[in-house]
Amino acid sequence: VGQLRRGALEPCVLAVIAQQPTYGLDLARTLSERGLLESEGTLYP
């Protein structure tokens, strides 16, 4: 699942931001709630 997440995380981030501008912590919460993000440490880079 970690390998699959890594491959799909970038476009998922773009899709969330495309819906509306968002800040990092809110983006992390959204992705975590949907099971796409394990830690914020991968999001900010």
ModelCIF file with pLDDT and N, C-alpha, C, O atoms, coordinates in Angstrom:
data_MODEL
#
_entry.id   MODEL 
#
_entity.id                         1 
_entity.type                       polymer 
_entity.pdbx_number_of_molecules   1 
#
_entity_poly.entity_id                      1 
_entity_poly.type                           'polypeptide(L)' 
_entity_poly.nstd_linkage                   no 
_entity_poly.nstd_monomer                   no 
_entity_poly.pdbx_seq_one_letter_code       VGQLRRGALEPCVLAVIAQQPTYGLDLARTLSERGLLESEGTLYP 
_entity_poly.pdbx_seq_one_letter_code_can   VGQLRRGALEPCVLAVIAQQPTYGLDLARTLSERGLLESEGTLYP 
_entity_poly.pdbx_strand_id                 A 
#
loop_
_entity_poly_seq.entity_id 
_entity_poly_seq.num 
_entity_poly_seq.mon_id 
_entity_poly_seq.hetero 
1 1  VAL n 
1 2  GLY n 
1 3  GLN n 
1 4  LEU n 
1 5  ARG n 
1 6  ARG n 
1 7  GLY n 
1 8  ALA n 
1 9  LEU n 
1 10 GLU n 
1 11 PRO n 
1 12 CYS n 
1 13 VAL n 
1 14 LEU n 
1 15 ALA n 
1 16 VAL n 
1 17 ILE n 
1 18 ALA n 
1 19 GLN n 
1 20 GLN n 
1 21 PRO n 
1 22 THR n 
1 23 TYR n 
1 24 GLY n 
1 25 LEU n 
1 26 ASP n 
1 27 LEU n 
1 28 ALA n 
1 29 ARG n 
1 30 THR n 
1 31 LEU n 
1 32 SER n 
1 33 GLU n 
1 34 ARG n 
1 35 GLY n 
1 36 LEU n 
1 37 LEU n 
1 38 GLU n 
1 39 SER n 
1 40 GLU n 
1 41 GLY n 
1 42 THR n 
1 43 LEU n 
1 44 TYR n 
1 45 PRO n 
#
_struct_asym.id          A 
_struct_asym.entity_id   1 
#
loop_
_ma_qa_metric.id 
_ma_qa_metric.mode 
_ma_qa_metric.name 
_ma_qa_metric.software_group_id 
_ma_qa_metric.type 
1 global pLDDT . pLDDT 
2 local  pLDDT . pLDDT 
#
_ma_qa_metric_global.metric_id      1 
_ma_qa_metric_global.metric_value   90.33 
_ma_qa_metric_global.model_id       1 
_ma_qa_metric_global.ordinal_id     1 
#
loop_
_ma_qa_metric_local.label_asym_id 
_ma_qa_metric_local.label_comp_id 
_ma_qa_metric_local.label_seq_id 
_ma_qa_metric_local.metric_id 
_ma_qa_metric_local.metric_value 
_ma_qa_metric_local.model_id 
_ma_qa_metric_local.ordinal_id 
A VAL 1  2 73.00 1 1  
A GLY 2  2 71.00 1 2  
A GLN 3  2 75.00 1 3  
A LEU 4  2 75.00 1 4  
A ARG 5  2 74.00 1 5  
A ARG 6  2 77.00 1 6  
A GLY 7  2 78.00 1 7  
A ALA 8  2 88.00 1 8  
A LEU 9  2 92.00 1 9  
A GLU 10 2 94.00 1 10 
A PRO 11 2 95.00 1 11 
A CYS 12 2 95.00 1 12 
A VAL 13 2 96.00 1 13 
A LEU 14 2 97.00 1 14 
A ALA 15 2 97.00 1 15 
A VAL 16 2 97.00 1 16 
A ILE 17 2 98.00 1 17 
A ALA 18 2 97.00 1 18 
A GLN 19 2 97.00 1 19 
A GLN 20 2 96.00 1 20 
A PRO 21 2 95.00 1 21 
A THR 22 2 96.00 1 22 
A TYR 23 2 95.00 1 23 
A GLY 24 2 94.00 1 24 
A LEU 25 2 93.00 1 25 
A ASP 26 2 95.00 1 26 
A LEU 27 2 96.00 1 27 
A ALA 28 2 96.00 1 28 
A ARG 29 2 95.00 1 29 
A THR 30 2 96.00 1 30 
A LEU 31 2 95.00 1 31 
A SER 32 2 93.00 1 32 
A GLU 33 2 94.00 1 33 
A ARG 34 2 92.00 1 34 
A GLY 35 2 88.00 1 35 
A LEU 36 2 90.00 1 36 
A LEU 37 2 90.00 1 37 
A GLU 38 2 84.00 1 38 
A SER 39 2 83.00 1 39 
A GLU 40 2 85.00 1 40 
A GLY 41 2 88.00 1 41 
A THR 42 2 88.00 1 42 
A LEU 43 2 94.00 1 43 
A TYR 44 2 94.00 1 44 
A PRO 45 2 94.00 1 45 
#
loop_
_atom_site.group_PDB 
_atom_site.id 
_atom_site.type_symbol 
_atom_site.label_atom_id 
_atom_site.label_alt_id 
_atom_site.label_comp_id 
_atom_site.label_asym_id 
_atom_site.label_entity_id 
_atom_site.label_seq_id 
_atom_site.pdbx_PDB_ins_code 
_atom_site.Cartn_x 
_atom_site.Cartn_y 
_atom_site.Cartn_z 
_atom_site.occupancy 
_atom_site.B_iso_or_equiv 
_atom_site.pdbx_formal_charge 
_atom_site.auth_seq_id 
_atom_site.auth_comp_id 
_atom_site.auth_asym_id 
_atom_site.auth_atom_id 
_atom_site.pdbx_PDB_model_num 
ATOM 1   N N  . VAL A 1 1  ? 0.842   -1.201 0.000  1.00 73.00 ? 1  VAL A N  1 
ATOM 2   C CA . VAL A 1 1  ? 0.000   0.000  0.000  1.00 73.00 ? 1  VAL A CA 1 
ATOM 3   C C  . VAL A 1 1  ? 0.876   1.249  0.000  1.00 73.00 ? 1  VAL A C  1 
ATOM 4   O O  . VAL A 1 1  ? 0.539   2.239  -0.649 1.00 73.00 ? 1  VAL A O  1 
ATOM 5   N N  . GLY A 1 2  ? 1.986   1.213  0.714  1.00 71.00 ? 2  GLY A N  1 
ATOM 6   C CA . GLY A 1 2  ? 2.908   2.352  0.719  1.00 71.00 ? 2  GLY A CA 1 
ATOM 7   C C  . GLY A 1 2  ? 3.448   2.644  -0.660 1.00 71.00 ? 2  GLY A C  1 
ATOM 8   O O  . GLY A 1 2  ? 3.548   3.805  -1.057 1.00 71.00 ? 2  GLY A O  1 
ATOM 9   N N  . GLN A 1 3  ? 3.801   1.596  -1.401 1.00 75.00 ? 3  GLN A N  1 
ATOM 10  C CA . GLN A 1 3  ? 4.292   1.779  -2.762 1.00 75.00 ? 3  GLN A CA 1 
ATOM 11  C C  . GLN A 1 3  ? 3.203   2.371  -3.657 1.00 75.00 ? 3  GLN A C  1 
ATOM 12  O O  . GLN A 1 3  ? 3.470   3.265  -4.461 1.00 75.00 ? 3  GLN A O  1 
ATOM 13  N N  . LEU A 1 4  ? 1.993   1.874  -3.514 1.00 75.00 ? 4  LEU A N  1 
ATOM 14  C CA . LEU A 1 4  ? 0.892   2.403  -4.324 1.00 75.00 ? 4  LEU A CA 1 
ATOM 15  C C  . LEU A 1 4  ? 0.613   3.859  -3.982 1.00 75.00 ? 4  LEU A C  1 
ATOM 16  O O  . LEU A 1 4  ? 0.353   4.668  -4.873 1.00 75.00 ? 4  LEU A O  1 
ATOM 17  N N  . ARG A 1 5  ? 0.664   4.197  -2.694 1.00 74.00 ? 5  ARG A N  1 
ATOM 18  C CA . ARG A 1 5  ? 0.438   5.586  -2.272 1.00 74.00 ? 5  ARG A CA 1 
ATOM 19  C C  . ARG A 1 5  ? 1.456   6.517  -2.905 1.00 74.00 ? 5  ARG A C  1 
ATOM 20  O O  . ARG A 1 5  ? 1.101   7.570  -3.433 1.00 74.00 ? 5  ARG A O  1 
ATOM 21  N N  . ARG A 1 6  ? 2.730   6.124  -2.850 1.00 77.00 ? 6  ARG A N  1 
ATOM 22  C CA . ARG A 1 6  ? 3.782   6.986  -3.393 1.00 77.00 ? 6  ARG A CA 1 
ATOM 23  C C  . ARG A 1 6  ? 3.545   7.316  -4.854 1.00 77.00 ? 6  ARG A C  1 
ATOM 24  O O  . ARG A 1 6  ? 3.809   8.436  -5.293 1.00 77.00 ? 6  ARG A O  1 
ATOM 25  N N  . GLY A 1 7  ? 3.049   6.350  -5.609 1.00 78.00 ? 7  GLY A N  1 
ATOM 26  C CA . GLY A 1 7  ? 2.819   6.588  -7.022 1.00 78.00 ? 7  GLY A CA 1 
ATOM 27  C C  . GLY A 1 7  ? 1.631   7.477  -7.317 1.00 78.00 ? 7  GLY A C  1 
ATOM 28  O O  . GLY A 1 7  ? 1.578   8.122  -8.364 1.00 78.00 ? 7  GLY A O  1 
ATOM 29  N N  . ALA A 1 8  ? 0.671   7.516  -6.395 1.00 88.00 ? 8  ALA A N  1 
ATOM 30  C CA . ALA A 1 8  ? -0.559  8.260  -6.657 1.00 88.00 ? 8  ALA A CA 1 
ATOM 31  C C  . ALA A 1 8  ? -0.680  9.546  -5.839 1.00 88.00 ? 8  ALA A C  1 
ATOM 32  O O  . ALA A 1 8  ? -1.606  10.327 -6.060 1.00 88.00 ? 8  ALA A O  1 
ATOM 33  N N  . LEU A 1 9  ? 0.225   9.774  -4.912 1.00 92.00 ? 9  LEU A N  1 
ATOM 34  C CA . LEU A 1 9  ? 0.072   10.909 -4.005 1.00 92.00 ? 9  LEU A CA 1 
ATOM 35  C C  . LEU A 1 9  ? 0.146   12.260 -4.713 1.00 92.00 ? 9  LEU A C  1 
ATOM 36  O O  . LEU A 1 9  ? -0.658  13.149 -4.434 1.00 92.00 ? 9  LEU A O  1 
ATOM 37  N N  . GLU A 1 10 ? 1.097   12.420 -5.620 1.00 94.00 ? 10 GLU A N  1 
ATOM 38  C CA . GLU A 1 10 ? 1.253   13.709 -6.299 1.00 94.00 ? 10 GLU A CA 1 
ATOM 39  C C  . GLU A 1 10 ? -0.015  14.137 -7.044 1.00 94.00 ? 10 GLU A C  1 
ATOM 40  O O  . GLU A 1 10 ? -0.481  15.258 -6.840 1.00 94.00 ? 10 GLU A O  1 
ATOM 41  N N  . PRO A 1 11 ? -0.584  13.293 -7.891 1.00 95.00 ? 11 PRO A N  1 
ATOM 42  C CA . PRO A 1 11 ? -1.816  13.719 -8.558 1.00 95.00 ? 11 PRO A CA 1 
ATOM 43  C C  . PRO A 1 11 ? -2.982  13.905 -7.591 1.00 95.00 ? 11 PRO A C  1 
ATOM 44  O O  . PRO A 1 11 ? -3.858  14.734 -7.840 1.00 95.00 ? 11 PRO A O  1 
ATOM 45  N N  . CYS A 1 12 ? -3.007  13.149 -6.494 1.00 95.00 ? 12 CYS A N  1 
ATOM 46  C CA . CYS A 1 12 ? -4.072  13.346 -5.512 1.00 95.00 ? 12 CYS A CA 1 
ATOM 47  C C  . CYS A 1 12 ? -3.948  14.712 -4.840 1.00 95.00 ? 12 CYS A C  1 
ATOM 48  O O  . CYS A 1 12 ? -4.949  15.383 -4.587 1.00 95.00 ? 12 CYS A O  1 
ATOM 49  N N  . VAL A 1 13 ? -2.720  15.111 -4.556 1.00 96.00 ? 13 VAL A N  1 
ATOM 50  C CA . VAL A 1 13 ? -2.486  16.442 -3.985 1.00 96.00 ? 13 VAL A CA 1 
ATOM 51  C C  . VAL A 1 13 ? -2.962  17.507 -4.964 1.00 96.00 ? 13 VAL A C  1 
ATOM 52  O O  . VAL A 1 13 ? -3.645  18.452 -4.571 1.00 96.00 ? 13 VAL A O  1 
ATOM 53  N N  . LEU A 1 14 ? -2.605  17.359 -6.231 1.00 97.00 ? 14 LEU A N  1 
ATOM 54  C CA . LEU A 1 14 ? -3.048  18.331 -7.235 1.00 97.00 ? 14 LEU A CA 1 
ATOM 55  C C  . LEU A 1 14 ? -4.571  18.362 -7.332 1.00 97.00 ? 14 LEU A C  1 
ATOM 56  O O  . LEU A 1 14 ? -5.157  19.434 -7.484 1.00 97.00 ? 14 LEU A O  1 
ATOM 57  N N  . ALA A 1 15 ? -5.213  17.206 -7.247 1.00 97.00 ? 15 ALA A N  1 
ATOM 58  C CA . ALA A 1 15 ? -6.675  17.147 -7.351 1.00 97.00 ? 15 ALA A CA 1 
ATOM 59  C C  . ALA A 1 15 ? -7.344  17.872 -6.185 1.00 97.00 ? 15 ALA A C  1 
ATOM 60  O O  . ALA A 1 15 ? -8.337  18.572 -6.382 1.00 97.00 ? 15 ALA A O  1 
ATOM 61  N N  . VAL A 1 16 ? -6.816  17.712 -4.985 1.00 97.00 ? 16 VAL A N  1 
ATOM 62  C CA . VAL A 1 16 ? -7.401  18.404 -3.825 1.00 97.00 ? 16 VAL A CA 1 
ATOM 63  C C  . VAL A 1 16 ? -7.212  19.908 -3.960 1.00 97.00 ? 16 VAL A C  1 
ATOM 64  O O  . VAL A 1 16 ? -8.135  20.680 -3.701 1.00 97.00 ? 16 VAL A O  1 
ATOM 65  N N  . ILE A 1 17 ? -6.015  20.324 -4.366 1.00 98.00 ? 17 ILE A N  1 
ATOM 66  C CA . ILE A 1 17 ? -5.740  21.759 -4.522 1.00 98.00 ? 17 ILE A CA 1 
ATOM 67  C C  . ILE A 1 17 ? -6.568  22.340 -5.666 1.00 98.00 ? 17 ILE A C  1 
ATOM 68  O O  . ILE A 1 17 ? -6.963  23.505 -5.612 1.00 98.00 ? 17 ILE A O  1 
ATOM 69  N N  . ALA A 1 18 ? -6.834  21.542 -6.701 1.00 97.00 ? 18 ALA A N  1 
ATOM 70  C CA . ALA A 1 18 ? -7.633  22.029 -7.832 1.00 97.00 ? 18 ALA A CA 1 
ATOM 71  C C  . ALA A 1 18 ? -9.061  22.336 -7.411 1.00 97.00 ? 18 ALA A C  1 
ATOM 72  O O  . ALA A 1 18 ? -9.695  23.220 -7.988 1.00 97.00 ? 18 ALA A O  1 
ATOM 73  N N  . GLN A 1 19 ? -9.582  21.621 -6.413 1.00 97.00 ? 19 GLN A N  1 
ATOM 74  C CA . GLN A 1 19 ? -10.946 21.876 -5.933 1.00 97.00 ? 19 GLN A CA 1 
ATOM 75  C C  . GLN A 1 19 ? -11.040 23.234 -5.277 1.00 97.00 ? 19 GLN A C  1 
ATOM 76  O O  . GLN A 1 19 ? -12.008 23.967 -5.480 1.00 97.00 ? 19 GLN A O  1 
ATOM 77  N N  . GLN A 1 20 ? -10.020 23.574 -4.478 1.00 96.00 ? 20 GLN A N  1 
ATOM 78  C CA . GLN A 1 20 ? -9.946  24.892 -3.867 1.00 96.00 ? 20 GLN A CA 1 
ATOM 79  C C  . GLN A 1 20 ? -8.557  25.079 -3.281 1.00 96.00 ? 20 GLN A C  1 
ATOM 80  O O  . GLN A 1 20 ? -7.948  24.113 -2.822 1.00 96.00 ? 20 GLN A O  1 
ATOM 81  N N  . PRO A 1 21 ? -8.043  26.313 -3.287 1.00 95.00 ? 21 PRO A N  1 
ATOM 82  C CA . PRO A 1 21 ? -6.740  26.544 -2.664 1.00 95.00 ? 21 PRO A CA 1 
ATOM 83  C C  . PRO A 1 21 ? -6.785  26.109 -1.197 1.00 95.00 ? 21 PRO A C  1 
ATOM 84  O O  . PRO A 1 21 ? -7.784  26.322 -0.510 1.00 95.00 ? 21 PRO A O  1 
ATOM 85  N N  . THR A 1 22 ? -5.721  25.513 -0.735 1.00 96.00 ? 22 THR A N  1 
ATOM 86  C CA . THR A 1 22 ? -5.707  24.987 0.619  1.00 96.00 ? 22 THR A CA 1 
ATOM 87  C C  . THR A 1 22 ? -4.322  25.128 1.229  1.00 96.00 ? 22 THR A C  1 
ATOM 88  O O  . THR A 1 22 ? -3.337  25.264 0.503  1.00 96.00 ? 22 THR A O  1 
ATOM 89  N N  . TYR A 1 23 ? -4.236  25.098 2.531  1.00 95.00 ? 23 TYR A N  1 
ATOM 90  C CA . TYR A 1 23 ? -2.943  25.182 3.207  1.00 95.00 ? 23 TYR A CA 1 
ATOM 91  C C  . TYR A 1 23 ? -2.494  23.775 3.614  1.00 95.00 ? 23 TYR A C  1 
ATOM 92  O O  . TYR A 1 23 ? -3.295  22.841 3.630  1.00 95.00 ? 23 TYR A O  1 
ATOM 93  N N  . GLY A 1 24 ? -1.231  23.638 3.936  1.00 94.00 ? 24 GLY A N  1 
ATOM 94  C CA . GLY A 1 24 ? -0.611  22.340 4.143  1.00 94.00 ? 24 GLY A CA 1 
ATOM 95  C C  . GLY A 1 24 ? -1.297  21.436 5.148  1.00 94.00 ? 24 GLY A C  1 
ATOM 96  O O  . GLY A 1 24 ? -1.557  20.270 4.849  1.00 94.00 ? 24 GLY A O  1 
ATOM 97  N N  . LEU A 1 25 ? -1.596  21.949 6.336  1.00 93.00 ? 25 LEU A N  1 
ATOM 98  C CA . LEU A 1 25 ? -2.188  21.108 7.377  1.00 93.00 ? 25 LEU A CA 1 
ATOM 99  C C  . LEU A 1 25 ? -3.573  20.621 6.971  1.00 93.00 ? 25 LEU A C  1 
ATOM 100 O O  . LEU A 1 25 ? -3.927  19.470 7.225  1.00 93.00 ? 25 LEU A O  1 
ATOM 101 N N  . ASP A 1 26 ? -4.353  21.489 6.345  1.00 95.00 ? 26 ASP A N  1 
ATOM 102 C CA . ASP A 1 26 ? -5.679  21.092 5.878  1.00 95.00 ? 26 ASP A CA 1 
ATOM 103 C C  . ASP A 1 26 ? -5.568  20.033 4.775  1.00 95.00 ? 26 ASP A C  1 
ATOM 104 O O  . ASP A 1 26 ? -6.356  19.089 4.732  1.00 95.00 ? 26 ASP A O  1 
ATOM 105 N N  . LEU A 1 27 ? -4.604  20.197 3.905  1.00 96.00 ? 27 LEU A N  1 
ATOM 106 C CA . LEU A 1 27 ? -4.349  19.225 2.854  1.00 96.00 ? 27 LEU A CA 1 
ATOM 107 C C  . LEU A 1 27 ? -3.950  17.872 3.464  1.00 96.00 ? 27 LEU A C  1 
ATOM 108 O O  . LEU A 1 27 ? -4.419  16.821 3.027  1.00 96.00 ? 27 LEU A O  1 
ATOM 109 N N  . ALA A 1 28 ? -3.082  17.917 4.472  1.00 96.00 ? 28 ALA A N  1 
ATOM 110 C CA . ALA A 1 28 ? -2.659  16.689 5.152  1.00 96.00 ? 28 ALA A CA 1 
ATOM 111 C C  . ALA A 1 28 ? -3.849  15.987 5.795  1.00 96.00 ? 28 ALA A C  1 
ATOM 112 O O  . ALA A 1 28 ? -3.962  14.763 5.715  1.00 96.00 ? 28 ALA A O  1 
ATOM 113 N N  . ARG A 1 29 ? -4.717  16.731 6.420  1.00 95.00 ? 29 ARG A N  1 
ATOM 114 C CA . ARG A 1 29 ? -5.911  16.135 7.050  1.00 95.00 ? 29 ARG A CA 1 
ATOM 115 C C  . ARG A 1 29 ? -6.806  15.468 6.010  1.00 95.00 ? 29 ARG A C  1 
ATOM 116 O O  . ARG A 1 29 ? -7.267  14.343 6.200  1.00 95.00 ? 29 ARG A O  1 
ATOM 117 N N  . THR A 1 30 ? -7.042  16.171 4.921  1.00 96.00 ? 30 THR A N  1 
ATOM 118 C CA . THR A 1 30 ? -7.897  15.635 3.862  1.00 96.00 ? 30 THR A CA 1 
ATOM 119 C C  . THR A 1 30 ? -7.334  14.330 3.312  1.00 96.00 ? 30 THR A C  1 
ATOM 120 O O  . THR A 1 30 ? -8.062  13.348 3.166  1.00 96.00 ? 30 THR A O  1 
ATOM 121 N N  . LEU A 1 31 ? -6.057  14.319 3.010  1.00 95.00 ? 31 LEU A N  1 
ATOM 122 C CA . LEU A 1 31 ? -5.432  13.123 2.447  1.00 95.00 ? 31 LEU A CA 1 
ATOM 123 C C  . LEU A 1 31 ? -5.359  11.986 3.468  1.00 95.00 ? 31 LEU A C  1 
ATOM 124 O O  . LEU A 1 31 ? -5.521  10.819 3.112  1.00 95.00 ? 31 LEU A O  1 
ATOM 125 N N  . SER A 1 32 ? -5.117  12.323 4.724  1.00 93.00 ? 32 SER A N  1 
ATOM 126 C CA . SER A 1 32 ? -5.069  11.303 5.774  1.00 93.00 ? 32 SER A CA 1 
ATOM 127 C C  . SER A 1 32 ? -6.431  10.665 5.996  1.00 93.00 ? 32 SER A C  1 
ATOM 128 O O  . SER A 1 32 ? -6.534  9.450  6.159  1.00 93.00 ? 32 SER A O  1 
ATOM 129 N N  . GLU A 1 33 ? -7.472  11.484 6.001  1.00 94.00 ? 33 GLU A N  1 
ATOM 130 C CA . GLU A 1 33 ? -8.831  10.961 6.181  1.00 94.00 ? 33 GLU A CA 1 
ATOM 131 C C  . GLU A 1 33 ? -9.201  9.985  5.076  1.00 94.00 ? 33 GLU A C  1 
ATOM 132 O O  . GLU A 1 33 ? -9.987  9.063  5.297  1.00 94.00 ? 33 GLU A O  1 
ATOM 133 N N  . ARG A 1 34 ? -8.648  10.180 3.907  1.00 92.00 ? 34 ARG A N  1 
ATOM 134 C CA . ARG A 1 34 ? -8.955  9.306  2.767  1.00 92.00 ? 34 ARG A CA 1 
ATOM 135 C C  . ARG A 1 34 ? -7.964  8.152  2.629  1.00 92.00 ? 34 ARG A C  1 
ATOM 136 O O  . ARG A 1 34 ? -8.022  7.390  1.665  1.00 92.00 ? 34 ARG A O  1 
ATOM 137 N N  . GLY A 1 35 ? -7.060  8.028  3.592  1.00 88.00 ? 35 GLY A N  1 
ATOM 138 C CA . GLY A 1 35 ? -6.120  6.914  3.595  1.00 88.00 ? 35 GLY A CA 1 
ATOM 139 C C  . GLY A 1 35 ? -4.968  7.047  2.626  1.00 88.00 ? 35 GLY A C  1 
ATOM 140 O O  . GLY A 1 35 ? -4.346  6.048  2.267  1.00 88.00 ? 35 GLY A O  1 
ATOM 141 N N  . LEU A 1 36 ? -4.666  8.274  2.192  1.00 90.00 ? 36 LEU A N  1 
ATOM 142 C CA . LEU A 1 36 ? -3.619  8.480  1.196  1.00 90.00 ? 36 LEU A CA 1 
ATOM 143 C C  . LEU A 1 36 ? -2.318  9.013  1.773  1.00 90.00 ? 36 LEU A C  1 
ATOM 144 O O  . LEU A 1 36 ? -1.310  9.066  1.068  1.00 90.00 ? 36 LEU A O  1 
ATOM 145 N N  . LEU A 1 37 ? -2.320  9.408  3.036  1.00 90.00 ? 37 LEU A N  1 
ATOM 146 C CA . LEU A 1 37 ? -1.130  10.007 3.626  1.00 90.00 ? 37 LEU A CA 1 
ATOM 147 C C  . LEU A 1 37 ? -0.910  9.433  5.011  1.00 90.00 ? 37 LEU A C  1 
ATOM 148 O O  . LEU A 1 37 ? -1.804  9.455  5.857  1.00 90.00 ? 37 LEU A O  1 
ATOM 149 N N  . GLU A 1 38 ? 0.283   8.923  5.233  1.00 84.00 ? 38 GLU A N  1 
ATOM 150 C CA . GLU A 1 38 ? 0.636   8.362  6.540  1.00 84.00 ? 38 GLU A CA 1 
ATOM 151 C C  . GLU A 1 38 ? 1.202   9.434  7.464  1.00 84.00 ? 38 GLU A C  1 
ATOM 152 O O  . GLU A 1 38 ? 0.892   9.454  8.655  1.00 84.00 ? 38 GLU A O  1 
ATOM 153 N N  . SER A 1 39 ? 2.037   10.332 6.918  1.00 83.00 ? 39 SER A N  1 
ATOM 154 C CA . SER A 1 39 ? 2.630   11.370 7.765  1.00 83.00 ? 39 SER A CA 1 
ATOM 155 C C  . SER A 1 39 ? 2.825   12.653 6.964  1.00 83.00 ? 39 SER A C  1 
ATOM 156 O O  . SER A 1 39 ? 2.980   12.635 5.743  1.00 83.00 ? 39 SER A O  1 
ATOM 157 N N  . GLU A 1 40 ? 2.811   13.748 7.683  1.00 85.00 ? 40 GLU A N  1 
ATOM 158 C CA . GLU A 1 40 ? 3.023   15.050 7.046  1.00 85.00 ? 40 GLU A CA 1 
ATOM 159 C C  . GLU A 1 40 ? 4.436   15.174 6.493  1.00 85.00 ? 40 GLU A C  1 
ATOM 160 O O  . GLU A 1 40 ? 4.693   15.993 5.611  1.00 85.00 ? 40 GLU A O  1 
ATOM 161 N N  . GLY A 1 41 ? 5.337   14.371 7.007  1.00 88.00 ? 41 GLY A N  1 
ATOM 162 C CA . GLY A 1 41 ? 6.731   14.428 6.583  1.00 88.00 ? 41 GLY A CA 1 
ATOM 163 C C  . GLY A 1 41 ? 6.929   14.158 5.102  1.00 88.00 ? 41 GLY A C  1 
ATOM 164 O O  . GLY A 1 41 ? 7.922   14.600 4.523  1.00 88.00 ? 41 GLY A O  1 
ATOM 165 N N  . THR A 1 42 ? 6.011   13.448 4.484  1.00 88.00 ? 42 THR A N  1 
ATOM 166 C CA . THR A 1 42 ? 6.129   13.201 3.046  1.00 88.00 ? 42 THR A CA 1 
ATOM 167 C C  . THR A 1 42 ? 5.422   14.280 2.232  1.00 88.00 ? 42 THR A C  1 
ATOM 168 O O  . THR A 1 42 ? 5.724   14.467 1.054  1.00 88.00 ? 42 THR A O  1 
ATOM 169 N N  . LEU A 1 43 ? 4.493   14.983 2.848  1.00 94.00 ? 43 LEU A N  1 
ATOM 170 C CA . LEU A 1 43 ? 3.697   15.967 2.109  1.00 94.00 ? 43 LEU A CA 1 
ATOM 171 C C  . LEU A 1 43 ? 4.483   17.229 1.775  1.00 94.00 ? 43 LEU A C  1 
ATOM 172 O O  . LEU A 1 43 ? 4.456   17.683 0.631  1.00 94.00 ? 43 LEU A O  1 
ATOM 173 N N  . TYR A 1 44 ? 5.174   17.798 2.738  1.00 94.00 ? 44 TYR A N  1 
ATOM 174 C CA . TYR A 1 44 ? 5.808   19.096 2.508  1.00 94.00 ? 44 TYR A CA 1 
ATOM 175 C C  . TYR A 1 44 ? 6.946   19.035 1.486  1.00 94.00 ? 44 TYR A C  1 
ATOM 176 O O  . TYR A 1 44 ? 7.069   19.963 0.687  1.00 94.00 ? 44 TYR A O  1 
ATOM 177 N N  . PRO A 1 45 ? 7.776   18.003 1.468  1.00 94.00 ? 45 PRO A N  1 
ATOM 178 C CA . PRO A 1 45 ? 8.756   17.912 0.360  1.00 94.00 ? 45 PRO A CA 1 
ATOM 179 C C  . PRO A 1 45 ? 8.073   17.766 -0.998 1.00 94.00 ? 45 PRO A C  1 
ATOM 180 O O  . PRO A 1 45 ? 8.750   17.677 -2.023 1.00 94.00 ? 45 PRO A O  1 
#
